[in-house]
């Protein structure tokens, strides 16, 4: 019998109106969907986490009473179940405040009995959060390997806009999982193009981050030219998508090169097939390096050297393309693995100690006062 698995956040919603608490009820976008399926008698299996506290007990009782299978709930003692305070305005629109205290190790136990044609529903910001990302990817990869049907509900709200740049790569990756190997469909083609475009504009973000690691004078002196060159790289990469006859086709074996536009399964991650043209092949033939996208490589790795962020460029090279090439022989899977390991850059941004290790105090031997 087909099983239905859901992967999502669990919170206790406490609803306030006119400054007074009016109700308390377990919530979460996937949880709400599974309560409905439970009432219909589907016995859906919910994968989530909450504590061994009074709030967790209340949530567990609620799920069981509504026919939800809680076999795969991760219960913890080191922390508290999550709370969401919903403050309703005069039009009953909610403004949320969240209180979370999770343990360091989360979602260690995941279902192992996923079968062909089982259904996996996952979604909300929870599925894109860095804290549980490894478990999300492990769960989805297991589902793909065993032939499960994957459904993704982004449930992205206005309140999350401030975190959009951080979350966007993982949201795109989640969308890829939901349309994987469905070549020719509008959804798959759209997500594949979106995935490519997020690579096109990555040099802007890479250099914006790297320039925060160098003296302010060096940043001020080079910023305008650096972003202009990133824009030129983006124009070239978009032009590589145009099926110009005179440009020919991409070189087989180059990253992302394919004959059909599609997001497909890789050896252990996803892969992007992009039928781009051979616009830059003359340049690659001249230098003897076939990266497929030389303007990207120059913008992402050479430009940081201009303003002195060589430590960052070296780290990015090692945890990006070098590590990705070590993990797969599939040139179309390599860029997706590279994006997956962008978590290292996020760690660098969040850790003051790590950031100091990559911060330059001199611009190629000159201090702040000597940079003009």
Protein backbone atom coordinates (compact mmCIF):
# COMPACT_ATOMS: atom_id res chain seq x y z
CA UNK A 1 0.00 0.00 0.00
CA UNK A 2 1.28 3.46 -0.91
CA UNK A 3 2.57 5.44 2.08
CA UNK A 4 2.55 9.20 2.50
CA UNK A 5 5.46 10.90 4.28
CA UNK A 6 5.59 14.53 5.33
CA UNK A 7 8.65 16.52 6.36
CA UNK A 8 7.94 19.81 8.09
CA UNK A 9 8.04 22.05 11.12
CA UNK A 10 5.91 21.64 14.23
CA UNK A 11 5.02 24.59 16.45
CA UNK A 12 2.35 25.39 18.99
CA UNK A 13 0.46 28.43 17.68
CA UNK A 14 -0.75 30.71 20.47
CA UNK A 15 -3.22 33.21 19.02
CA UNK A 16 -3.61 36.70 20.51
CA UNK A 17 -6.41 39.16 19.82
CA UNK A 18 -6.68 42.57 21.46
CA UNK A 19 -3.66 41.75 23.59
CA UNK A 20 -5.19 38.60 25.05
CA UNK A 21 -4.50 34.92 24.25
CA UNK A 22 -7.56 33.40 22.56
CA UNK A 23 -6.48 29.90 21.48
CA UNK A 24 -3.55 27.48 21.28
CA UNK A 25 -3.25 24.89 18.55
CA UNK A 26 -0.45 22.84 16.94
CA UNK A 27 0.53 24.23 13.56
CA UNK A 28 2.92 24.11 10.61
CA UNK A 29 2.07 23.99 6.89
CA UNK A 30 2.91 20.30 6.38
CA UNK A 31 1.42 19.39 9.77
CA UNK A 32 -1.88 21.02 8.80
CA UNK A 33 -1.99 19.09 5.53
CA UNK A 34 -1.27 15.82 7.34
CA UNK A 35 -3.98 16.41 9.92
CA UNK A 36 -6.42 16.63 7.02
CA UNK A 37 -5.03 13.41 5.49
CA UNK A 38 -5.23 11.74 8.90
CA UNK A 39 -8.91 12.67 9.24
CA UNK A 40 -9.47 11.08 5.83
CA UNK A 41 -7.99 7.82 7.13
CA UNK A 42 -4.70 7.85 5.17
CA UNK A 43 -2.50 7.25 8.25
CA UNK A 44 0.17 9.69 6.95
CA UNK A 45 3.67 9.44 8.43
CA UNK A 46 4.88 12.78 9.74
CA UNK A 47 8.62 13.46 10.06
CA UNK A 48 9.28 16.33 12.44
CA UNK A 49 10.62 17.20 15.89
CA UNK A 50 9.36 18.45 19.24
CA UNK A 51 10.36 18.08 22.85
CA UNK A 52 9.53 15.69 25.64
CA UNK A 53 7.85 18.61 27.44
CA UNK A 54 4.22 19.55 28.13
CA UNK A 55 3.94 21.37 24.80
CA UNK A 56 5.35 18.36 22.97
CA UNK A 57 2.90 16.07 24.74
CA UNK A 58 0.01 18.31 23.73
CA UNK A 59 1.17 18.28 20.09
CA UNK A 60 1.68 14.50 20.09
CA UNK A 61 -1.81 13.88 21.48
CA UNK A 62 -3.30 16.20 18.86
CA UNK A 63 -1.60 14.37 15.99
CA UNK A 64 -2.53 10.91 17.25
CA UNK A 65 -6.15 11.97 17.81
CA UNK A 66 -6.31 13.17 14.21
CA UNK A 67 -4.95 9.97 12.68
CA UNK A 68 -1.37 11.07 12.01
CA UNK A 69 1.36 8.43 12.36
CA UNK A 70 3.99 9.82 14.77
CA UNK A 71 6.42 6.91 14.48
CA UNK A 72 9.04 9.14 12.86
CA UNK A 73 8.78 12.11 15.18
CA UNK A 74 12.14 13.00 16.74
CA UNK A 75 11.50 13.74 20.44
CA UNK A 76 14.23 15.51 22.41
CA UNK A 77 14.99 16.38 26.03
CA UNK A 78 17.71 18.96 25.48
CA UNK A 79 15.56 21.96 24.51
CA UNK A 80 11.90 22.95 24.27
CA UNK A 81 9.16 22.53 21.71
CA UNK A 82 8.79 25.51 19.38
CA UNK A 83 6.19 28.20 20.02
CA UNK A 84 4.66 30.68 17.56
CA UNK A 85 2.87 33.75 18.92
CA UNK A 86 0.31 34.97 16.37
CA UNK A 87 -0.89 38.53 17.05
CA UNK A 88 -4.05 39.31 15.06
CA UNK A 89 -4.81 42.85 13.88
CA UNK A 90 -8.28 44.32 13.34
CA UNK A 91 -8.55 42.47 10.01
CA UNK A 92 -7.36 39.20 11.62
CA UNK A 93 -4.05 39.28 9.76
CA UNK A 94 -1.38 37.59 11.88
CA UNK A 95 2.04 38.94 12.84
CA UNK A 96 4.19 36.05 14.12
CA UNK A 97 6.90 35.90 16.76
CA UNK A 98 8.72 32.57 17.13
CA UNK A 99 10.42 31.05 20.16
CA UNK A 100 12.73 28.11 19.43
CA UNK A 101 15.24 26.23 21.55
CA UNK A 102 16.35 23.12 19.67
CA UNK A 103 19.18 20.74 20.61
CA UNK A 104 22.44 20.81 18.68
CA UNK A 105 21.79 17.44 17.00
CA UNK A 106 18.48 17.38 15.18
CA UNK A 107 16.46 14.94 13.08
CA UNK A 108 18.84 12.05 13.47
CA UNK A 109 16.18 9.39 12.87
CA UNK A 110 14.60 9.32 9.39
CA UNK A 111 12.30 6.76 7.73
CA UNK A 112 14.04 3.86 6.00
CA UNK A 113 10.92 2.18 4.58
CA UNK A 114 10.26 4.55 1.67
CA UNK A 115 9.15 2.61 -1.40
CA UNK A 116 8.40 3.16 -5.08
CA UNK A 117 5.40 5.46 -5.68
CA UNK A 118 5.23 6.50 -2.03
CA UNK A 119 4.53 10.22 -1.66
CA UNK A 120 6.81 12.72 0.11
CA UNK A 121 5.46 16.17 0.94
CA UNK A 122 7.91 18.71 2.32
CA UNK A 123 7.91 22.45 2.58
CA UNK A 124 7.95 25.82 4.34
CA UNK A 125 11.09 27.65 5.43
CA UNK A 126 11.85 24.69 7.69
CA UNK A 127 12.88 22.61 4.66
CA UNK A 128 15.28 25.36 3.58
CA UNK A 129 16.85 26.13 6.95
CA UNK A 130 20.55 25.38 7.30
CA UNK A 131 20.07 23.69 10.69
CA UNK A 132 18.20 20.68 9.26
CA UNK A 133 19.42 20.88 5.66
CA UNK A 134 21.55 17.73 5.81
CA UNK A 135 18.59 15.71 7.03
CA UNK A 136 16.31 17.19 4.36
CA UNK A 137 18.73 16.32 1.56
CA UNK A 138 19.38 12.82 2.95
CA UNK A 139 15.63 12.16 3.17
CA UNK A 140 14.89 13.48 -0.34
CA UNK A 141 17.82 11.62 -1.90
CA UNK A 142 16.55 8.42 -0.32
CA UNK A 143 13.11 9.09 -1.78
CA UNK A 144 14.50 9.74 -5.24
CA UNK A 145 16.64 6.62 -5.15
CA UNK A 146 13.63 4.49 -4.31
CA UNK A 147 11.23 6.05 -6.81
CA UNK A 148 9.02 8.10 -4.50
CA UNK A 149 6.85 10.97 -5.73
CA UNK A 150 8.08 14.26 -4.26
CA UNK A 151 5.87 17.33 -3.71
CA UNK A 152 7.25 20.66 -2.50
CA UNK A 153 5.26 23.51 -0.93
CA UNK A 154 7.57 26.57 -0.59
CA UNK A 155 5.11 28.48 1.63
CA UNK A 156 7.39 31.52 1.37
CA UNK A 157 5.87 34.55 3.09
CA UNK A 158 6.57 38.28 3.18
CA UNK A 159 8.05 37.93 6.67
CA UNK A 160 10.87 35.82 5.18
CA UNK A 161 11.99 38.40 2.60
CA UNK A 162 14.92 39.54 4.73
CA UNK A 163 16.41 36.04 4.49
CA UNK A 164 15.67 35.54 0.78
CA UNK A 165 19.27 35.73 -0.46
CA UNK A 166 20.37 33.13 2.08
CA UNK A 167 17.40 30.84 1.41
CA UNK A 168 17.13 31.19 -2.37
CA UNK A 169 19.71 28.54 -3.38
CA UNK A 170 18.09 25.98 -1.09
CA UNK A 171 14.56 26.88 -2.25
CA UNK A 172 15.66 26.41 -5.87
CA UNK A 173 17.22 23.09 -4.95
CA UNK A 174 13.97 22.02 -3.26
CA UNK A 175 12.02 22.94 -6.40
CA UNK A 176 14.45 20.84 -8.42
CA UNK A 177 13.69 17.81 -6.27
CA UNK A 178 9.96 18.18 -6.96
CA UNK A 179 10.34 18.15 -10.79
CA UNK A 180 13.40 15.92 -11.16
CA UNK A 181 13.62 13.86 -14.38
CA UNK A 182 10.30 15.24 -15.68
CA UNK A 183 12.01 16.41 -18.87
CA UNK A 184 9.85 18.37 -21.29
CA UNK A 185 7.40 19.61 -18.66
CA UNK A 186 6.95 23.33 -18.15
CA UNK A 187 7.77 23.01 -14.46
CA UNK A 188 11.05 21.18 -15.01
CA UNK A 189 12.19 23.51 -17.78
CA UNK A 190 11.31 26.59 -15.71
CA UNK A 191 13.22 25.35 -12.66
CA UNK A 192 16.21 24.43 -14.82
CA UNK A 193 16.32 27.94 -16.28
CA UNK A 194 15.93 29.45 -12.79
CA UNK A 195 18.79 27.28 -11.55
CA UNK A 196 21.00 28.48 -14.40
CA UNK A 197 20.10 32.13 -13.79
CA UNK A 198 20.98 31.86 -10.12
CA UNK A 199 24.46 30.75 -11.25
CA UNK A 200 24.62 33.64 -13.73
CA UNK A 201 24.19 36.25 -11.00
CA UNK A 202 26.24 34.52 -8.28
CA UNK A 203 29.40 36.57 -8.99
CA UNK A 204 27.61 39.69 -7.73
CA UNK A 205 26.93 38.05 -4.36
CA UNK A 206 30.35 36.37 -4.19
CA UNK A 207 32.18 39.63 -4.75
CA UNK A 208 29.88 41.64 -2.51
CA UNK A 209 30.71 39.22 0.30
CA UNK A 210 34.44 39.05 -0.49
CA UNK A 211 34.76 42.86 -0.53
CA UNK A 212 33.70 42.91 3.11
CA UNK A 213 36.91 41.00 3.89
CA UNK A 214 39.33 43.63 2.58
CA UNK A 215 40.27 47.21 3.59
CA UNK A 216 37.48 49.71 2.99
CA UNK A 217 39.68 51.84 0.76
CA UNK A 218 40.37 48.87 -1.52
CA UNK A 219 36.66 48.15 -1.71
CA UNK A 220 35.83 51.78 -2.51
CA UNK A 221 38.49 51.94 -5.22
CA UNK A 222 37.47 48.77 -7.05
CA UNK A 223 33.76 48.24 -6.28
CA UNK A 224 32.31 49.98 -9.35
CA UNK A 225 34.59 48.17 -11.79
CA UNK A 226 34.14 44.81 -10.09
CA UNK A 227 30.35 44.94 -10.33
CA UNK A 228 30.55 46.18 -13.92
CA UNK A 229 32.65 43.13 -14.84
CA UNK A 230 30.20 40.86 -12.99
CA UNK A 231 27.46 42.41 -15.12
CA UNK A 232 29.48 41.74 -18.28
CA UNK A 233 29.88 38.10 -17.19
CA UNK A 234 26.12 37.83 -16.67
CA UNK A 235 25.45 39.23 -20.16
CA UNK A 236 27.81 36.71 -21.74
CA UNK A 237 26.30 33.78 -19.82
CA UNK A 238 22.77 34.78 -20.82
CA UNK A 239 23.95 35.12 -24.42
CA UNK A 240 25.25 31.55 -24.19
CA UNK A 241 21.61 30.40 -23.91
CA UNK A 242 20.63 31.92 -27.26
CA UNK A 243 20.55 29.21 -29.98
CA UNK A 244 22.61 31.18 -32.51
CA UNK A 245 23.61 29.03 -35.46
CA UNK A 246 26.95 30.82 -35.95
CA UNK A 247 27.98 30.07 -32.33
CA UNK A 248 27.59 26.31 -32.66
CA UNK A 249 26.95 24.07 -29.68
CA UNK A 250 28.65 23.61 -26.32
CA UNK A 251 31.51 21.12 -26.09
CA UNK A 252 30.28 17.72 -24.82
CA UNK A 253 31.84 16.95 -21.46
CA UNK A 254 31.89 20.60 -20.40
CA UNK A 255 29.93 21.49 -17.23
CA UNK A 256 26.15 21.61 -17.80
CA UNK A 257 26.48 20.85 -21.53
CA UNK A 258 23.57 18.81 -22.91
CA UNK A 259 21.24 18.63 -25.87
CA UNK A 260 17.99 18.97 -23.92
CA UNK A 261 16.98 21.38 -21.14
CA UNK A 262 16.22 19.36 -18.01
CA UNK A 263 16.95 18.87 -14.31
CA UNK A 264 17.81 15.21 -13.80
CA UNK A 265 19.13 12.81 -11.19
CA UNK A 266 22.89 12.78 -10.76
CA UNK A 267 25.07 10.09 -9.24
CA UNK A 268 24.22 11.22 -5.70
CA UNK A 269 22.73 14.70 -6.16
CA UNK A 270 20.83 16.57 -8.87
CA UNK A 271 22.27 17.55 -12.26
CA UNK A 272 21.37 20.36 -14.66
CA UNK A 273 21.32 19.76 -18.42
CA UNK A 274 21.67 23.06 -20.33
CA UNK A 275 21.84 23.21 -24.16
CA UNK A 276 24.00 26.33 -24.32
CA UNK A 277 25.87 27.47 -27.40
CA UNK A 278 29.58 27.50 -28.23
CA UNK A 279 29.98 31.29 -28.05
CA UNK A 280 33.02 31.14 -25.77
CA UNK A 281 34.63 28.06 -27.34
CA UNK A 282 37.17 30.11 -29.37
CA UNK A 283 38.42 31.66 -26.12
CA UNK A 284 38.56 28.26 -24.40
CA UNK A 285 40.43 26.77 -27.36
CA UNK A 286 42.97 29.58 -27.12
CA UNK A 287 43.66 29.10 -23.39
CA UNK A 288 43.21 25.32 -23.37
CA UNK A 289 40.82 25.30 -20.38
CA UNK A 290 37.26 24.12 -20.93
CA UNK A 291 35.10 25.25 -18.02
CA UNK A 292 32.09 26.03 -20.21
CA UNK A 293 31.71 29.42 -18.54
CA UNK A 294 35.07 31.21 -18.42
CA UNK A 295 33.53 34.60 -17.60
CA UNK A 296 31.98 33.09 -14.47
CA UNK A 297 35.28 31.59 -13.36
CA UNK A 298 37.07 34.89 -13.88
CA UNK A 299 34.36 36.88 -12.07
CA UNK A 300 34.11 34.46 -9.14
CA UNK A 301 37.80 33.65 -8.61
CA UNK A 302 40.01 36.20 -10.39
CA UNK A 303 38.18 39.40 -9.44
CA UNK A 304 38.53 38.84 -5.66
CA UNK A 305 42.30 38.77 -6.23
CA UNK A 306 42.14 42.31 -7.63
CA UNK A 307 41.05 43.79 -4.30
CA UNK A 308 43.10 41.41 -2.15
CA UNK A 309 40.59 38.72 -1.05
CA UNK A 310 42.97 35.91 -2.03
CA UNK A 311 42.31 33.87 1.13
CA UNK A 312 38.59 33.83 0.38
CA UNK A 313 39.17 33.02 -3.30
CA UNK A 314 41.40 30.07 -2.36
CA UNK A 315 38.90 28.74 0.19
CA UNK A 316 36.06 29.16 -2.31
CA UNK A 317 38.03 27.27 -4.96
CA UNK A 318 38.75 24.37 -2.59
CA UNK A 319 35.21 23.94 -1.18
CA UNK A 320 33.57 24.74 -4.52
CA UNK A 321 34.81 23.28 -7.82
CA UNK A 322 37.71 21.24 -6.41
CA UNK A 323 35.58 19.43 -3.82
CA UNK A 324 32.73 18.97 -6.31
CA UNK A 325 35.05 17.40 -8.91
CA UNK A 326 36.34 14.99 -6.26
CA UNK A 327 32.80 13.86 -5.46
CA UNK A 328 31.41 13.21 -8.95
CA UNK A 329 32.51 12.34 -12.46
CA UNK A 330 29.34 13.88 -13.90
CA UNK A 331 30.14 17.39 -15.21
CA UNK A 332 26.46 18.34 -15.10
CA UNK A 333 26.13 17.29 -11.46
CA UNK A 334 29.27 19.13 -10.35
CA UNK A 335 27.77 22.66 -10.32
CA UNK A 336 24.82 21.49 -8.19
CA UNK A 337 27.18 19.87 -5.67
CA UNK A 338 29.21 23.07 -5.70
CA UNK A 339 26.07 25.03 -4.82
CA UNK A 340 25.28 22.53 -2.07
CA UNK A 341 28.63 23.23 -0.41
CA UNK A 342 28.04 26.98 -0.46
CA UNK A 343 27.12 26.33 3.17
CA UNK A 344 30.83 26.90 3.87
CA UNK A 345 30.52 30.51 2.73
CA UNK A 346 27.47 30.93 4.95
CA UNK A 347 29.47 29.55 7.88
CA UNK A 348 32.21 32.05 7.12
CA UNK A 349 29.68 34.86 7.24
CA UNK A 350 28.18 33.74 10.54
CA UNK A 351 31.38 32.87 12.41
CA UNK A 352 33.38 35.90 13.56
CA UNK A 353 36.43 33.74 14.23
CA UNK A 354 36.34 32.17 10.77
CA UNK A 355 35.72 35.55 9.14
CA UNK A 356 38.79 37.03 10.83
CA UNK A 357 40.91 34.21 9.40
CA UNK A 358 39.98 35.28 5.87
CA UNK A 359 40.01 39.06 6.38
CA UNK A 360 42.85 41.02 4.75
CA UNK A 361 44.26 44.06 6.56
CA UNK A 362 46.56 44.98 3.67
CA UNK A 363 45.84 45.47 -0.02
CA UNK A 364 48.71 43.69 -1.70
CA UNK A 365 51.23 44.95 0.86
CA UNK A 366 49.75 48.42 1.30
CA UNK A 367 47.84 49.49 4.38
CA UNK A 368 44.61 51.50 4.46
CA UNK A 369 46.34 54.87 4.28
CA UNK A 370 48.44 53.93 1.25
CA UNK A 371 45.46 52.88 -0.86
CA UNK A 372 44.39 55.78 -3.06
